[in-house]
C-alpha cells in the first residue's frame, strides 16, 4: 500500500479490526519514511452480476430496479423502506448464489417468493405486472396459488 503523503511503497499495518458489521477489515497503517498514519478498508470484490433480459439483451444487475418494483407493489401498504431494502438484498443474495449471470425471470420469481411471506396484496400487485395479467381470472388463479403456498408454509 502506497503512502498517500510521500508515495513510499513500504507501509506497515499497525492495527486491524472488523468494520461494516464484518463485511470489511479496517487497517491502520504507518509509513516508516514520513511517519504518516492512515486508514484503509479491505472488502470482498464481488464478481459483477449480469441479467439476461427476456429480449436477449444483457445488462448489469441493478438493485435499484428491484427496489423500484417493490416500492410500486407495496405503495400504501404497511411495509417500511427498511423491509424493502432487506427484500432487495435477499433477492440479490439469492441470485448471486446461482452464479454471475441470471435472468430477469429468475429475479421476478425471487421477488415473488420474498413478497409471499411479507404481504399478499403486494405479492398480487407485483405478480400482476411480472406475469402480465390481463383478466380477472389471472388474479383468481394467482390467489389460489398464493393460498396453496401459504398452506405449505403454515
Protein backbone atom coordinates (compact mmCIF):
# COMPACT_ATOMS: atom_id res chain seq x y z
CA UNK A 1 0.00 0.00 0.00
CA UNK A 2 1.46 3.34 -1.04
CA UNK A 3 1.65 6.17 1.48
CA UNK A 4 -0.80 8.92 0.42
CA UNK A 5 1.69 11.62 1.55
CA UNK A 6 5.14 10.56 0.30
CA UNK A 7 4.15 7.66 -2.04
CA UNK A 8 6.53 5.24 -0.28
CA UNK A 9 5.52 1.64 -1.04
CA UNK A 10 6.60 0.06 2.24
CA UNK A 11 3.81 0.99 4.70
CA UNK A 12 3.24 -1.13 7.79
CA UNK A 13 -0.05 -2.33 9.29
CA UNK A 14 -0.31 -1.09 12.89
CA UNK A 15 -3.82 -2.36 13.73
CA UNK A 16 -6.58 -4.42 12.05
CA UNK A 17 -10.25 -4.60 13.05
CA UNK A 18 -13.52 -5.75 11.55
CA UNK A 19 -15.67 -2.96 10.13
CA UNK A 20 -19.10 -2.64 8.47
CA UNK A 21 -20.51 -5.47 10.60
CA UNK A 22 -17.81 -7.87 9.45
CA UNK A 23 -18.10 -7.02 5.75
CA UNK A 24 -14.74 -5.22 5.73
CA UNK A 25 -11.42 -5.07 7.54
CA UNK A 26 -10.22 -1.68 8.77
CA UNK A 27 -6.44 -1.34 8.82
CA UNK A 28 -4.43 1.44 10.46
CA UNK A 29 -1.15 1.89 8.64
CA UNK A 30 2.04 3.85 9.26
CA UNK A 31 4.60 4.95 6.74
CA UNK A 32 8.16 4.36 8.03
CA UNK A 33 9.50 7.01 5.62
CA UNK A 34 7.42 10.01 6.70
CA UNK A 35 5.66 8.58 9.80
CA UNK A 36 2.22 9.46 8.37
CA UNK A 37 -0.66 7.31 9.70
CA UNK A 38 -3.70 6.48 7.58
CA UNK A 39 -6.62 4.05 7.40
CA UNK A 40 -7.53 1.59 4.65
CA UNK A 41 -10.51 -0.73 4.25
CA UNK A 42 -10.40 -4.18 2.70
CA UNK A 43 -13.63 -5.56 1.20
CA UNK A 44 -14.55 -8.56 -0.90
CA UNK A 45 -14.52 -7.68 -4.57
CA UNK A 46 -17.74 -9.25 -5.79
CA UNK A 47 -17.93 -10.54 -9.33
CA UNK A 48 -20.29 -8.46 -11.45
CA UNK A 49 -23.77 -9.89 -11.73
CA UNK A 50 -25.36 -9.71 -15.18
CA UNK A 51 -29.01 -10.06 -16.13
CA UNK A 52 -30.25 -11.64 -19.34
CA UNK A 53 -33.48 -9.85 -20.26
CA UNK A 54 -36.42 -11.57 -22.00
CA UNK A 55 -35.38 -9.75 -25.21
CA UNK A 56 -31.98 -11.46 -25.03
CA UNK A 57 -30.09 -8.29 -24.15
CA UNK A 58 -27.63 -8.41 -21.25
CA UNK A 59 -27.12 -5.68 -18.65
CA UNK A 60 -25.55 -5.36 -15.21
CA UNK A 61 -27.75 -6.21 -12.22
CA UNK A 62 -29.24 -3.05 -10.72
CA UNK A 63 -30.72 -3.44 -7.25
CA UNK A 64 -32.43 -0.06 -7.69
CA UNK A 65 -34.75 -1.64 -10.26
CA UNK A 66 -35.75 -4.32 -7.74
CA UNK A 67 -36.34 -1.63 -5.10
CA UNK A 68 -38.44 0.45 -7.53
CA UNK A 69 -40.61 -2.57 -8.36
CA UNK A 70 -41.05 -3.30 -4.66
CA UNK A 71 -41.93 0.33 -3.91
CA UNK A 72 -44.64 0.25 -6.59
CA UNK A 73 -46.02 -3.08 -5.35
CA UNK A 74 -46.05 -2.01 -1.70
CA UNK A 75 -47.41 1.51 -2.18
CA UNK A 76 -49.97 2.25 0.53
CA UNK A 77 -49.12 -0.95 2.41
CA UNK A 78 -47.54 -1.07 5.85
CA UNK A 79 -44.09 -2.05 4.60
CA UNK A 80 -41.14 0.08 5.64
CA UNK A 81 -38.32 1.26 3.42
CA UNK A 82 -36.04 -0.90 5.56
CA UNK A 83 -38.13 -4.00 4.78
CA UNK A 84 -37.99 -3.15 1.08
CA UNK A 85 -34.19 -2.86 1.26
CA UNK A 86 -34.00 -6.18 3.11
CA UNK A 87 -36.10 -7.88 0.44
CA UNK A 88 -33.98 -6.37 -2.35
CA UNK A 89 -30.81 -7.52 -0.58
CA UNK A 90 -32.23 -11.03 -0.11
CA UNK A 91 -33.14 -11.16 -3.81
CA UNK A 92 -29.65 -10.04 -4.84
CA UNK A 93 -28.03 -12.56 -2.47
CA UNK A 94 -30.23 -15.38 -3.79
CA UNK A 95 -29.46 -14.70 -7.45
CA UNK A 96 -25.73 -14.26 -6.73
CA UNK A 97 -25.67 -17.72 -5.16
CA UNK A 98 -26.75 -19.14 -8.52
CA UNK A 99 -23.78 -17.62 -10.37
CA UNK A 100 -22.63 -14.44 -12.05
CA UNK A 101 -25.43 -14.47 -14.63
CA UNK A 102 -29.17 -14.60 -14.02
CA UNK A 103 -32.35 -13.88 -15.93
CA UNK A 104 -34.97 -11.24 -15.31
CA UNK A 105 -37.44 -14.13 -14.89
CA UNK A 106 -35.38 -15.61 -12.04
CA UNK A 107 -35.23 -12.20 -10.35
CA UNK A 108 -39.00 -11.80 -10.65
CA UNK A 109 -39.65 -15.24 -9.14
CA UNK A 110 -37.27 -14.48 -6.30
CA UNK A 111 -39.10 -11.19 -5.59
CA UNK A 112 -42.41 -13.08 -5.54
CA UNK A 113 -41.00 -15.65 -3.09
CA UNK A 114 -39.94 -12.84 -0.76
CA UNK A 115 -43.23 -10.91 -1.05
CA UNK A 116 -45.28 -14.05 -0.40
CA UNK A 117 -44.04 -14.03 3.20
CA UNK A 118 -44.41 -10.26 3.69
CA UNK A 119 -47.67 -9.01 2.16
CA UNK A 120 -50.22 -10.82 0.00
CA UNK A 121 -51.55 -7.64 -1.62
CA UNK A 122 -48.04 -6.53 -2.59
CA UNK A 123 -47.42 -10.05 -3.89
CA UNK A 124 -50.52 -9.86 -6.13
CA UNK A 125 -49.61 -6.38 -7.37
CA UNK A 126 -46.09 -7.49 -8.30
CA UNK A 127 -47.37 -10.74 -9.84
CA UNK A 128 -49.91 -8.84 -11.96
CA UNK A 129 -47.11 -6.87 -13.62
CA UNK A 130 -44.48 -9.63 -13.62
CA UNK A 131 -46.86 -12.25 -15.04
CA UNK A 132 -48.65 -9.74 -17.29
CA UNK A 133 -52.20 -10.30 -16.00
CA UNK A 134 -54.88 -9.22 -18.44
CA UNK A 135 -58.05 -10.65 -16.89
CA UNK A 136 -59.68 -11.10 -13.50
CA UNK A 137 -59.22 -14.86 -13.89
CA UNK A 138 -55.45 -14.30 -13.70
CA UNK A 139 -55.87 -12.74 -10.25
CA UNK A 140 -58.14 -15.58 -9.16
CA UNK A 141 -55.62 -18.20 -10.30
CA UNK A 142 -52.78 -16.38 -8.50
CA UNK A 143 -54.84 -16.10 -5.29
CA UNK A 144 -55.39 -19.87 -5.40
CA UNK A 145 -51.65 -20.38 -5.88
CA UNK A 146 -50.90 -17.98 -3.03
CA UNK A 147 -53.33 -19.89 -0.78
CA UNK A 148 -51.54 -23.16 -1.59
CA UNK A 149 -48.14 -21.57 -0.91
CA UNK A 150 -49.40 -20.15 2.37
CA UNK A 151 -50.75 -23.56 3.38
CA UNK A 152 -47.35 -25.16 2.71
CA UNK A 153 -45.62 -22.62 4.94
CA UNK A 154 -48.04 -22.86 7.86
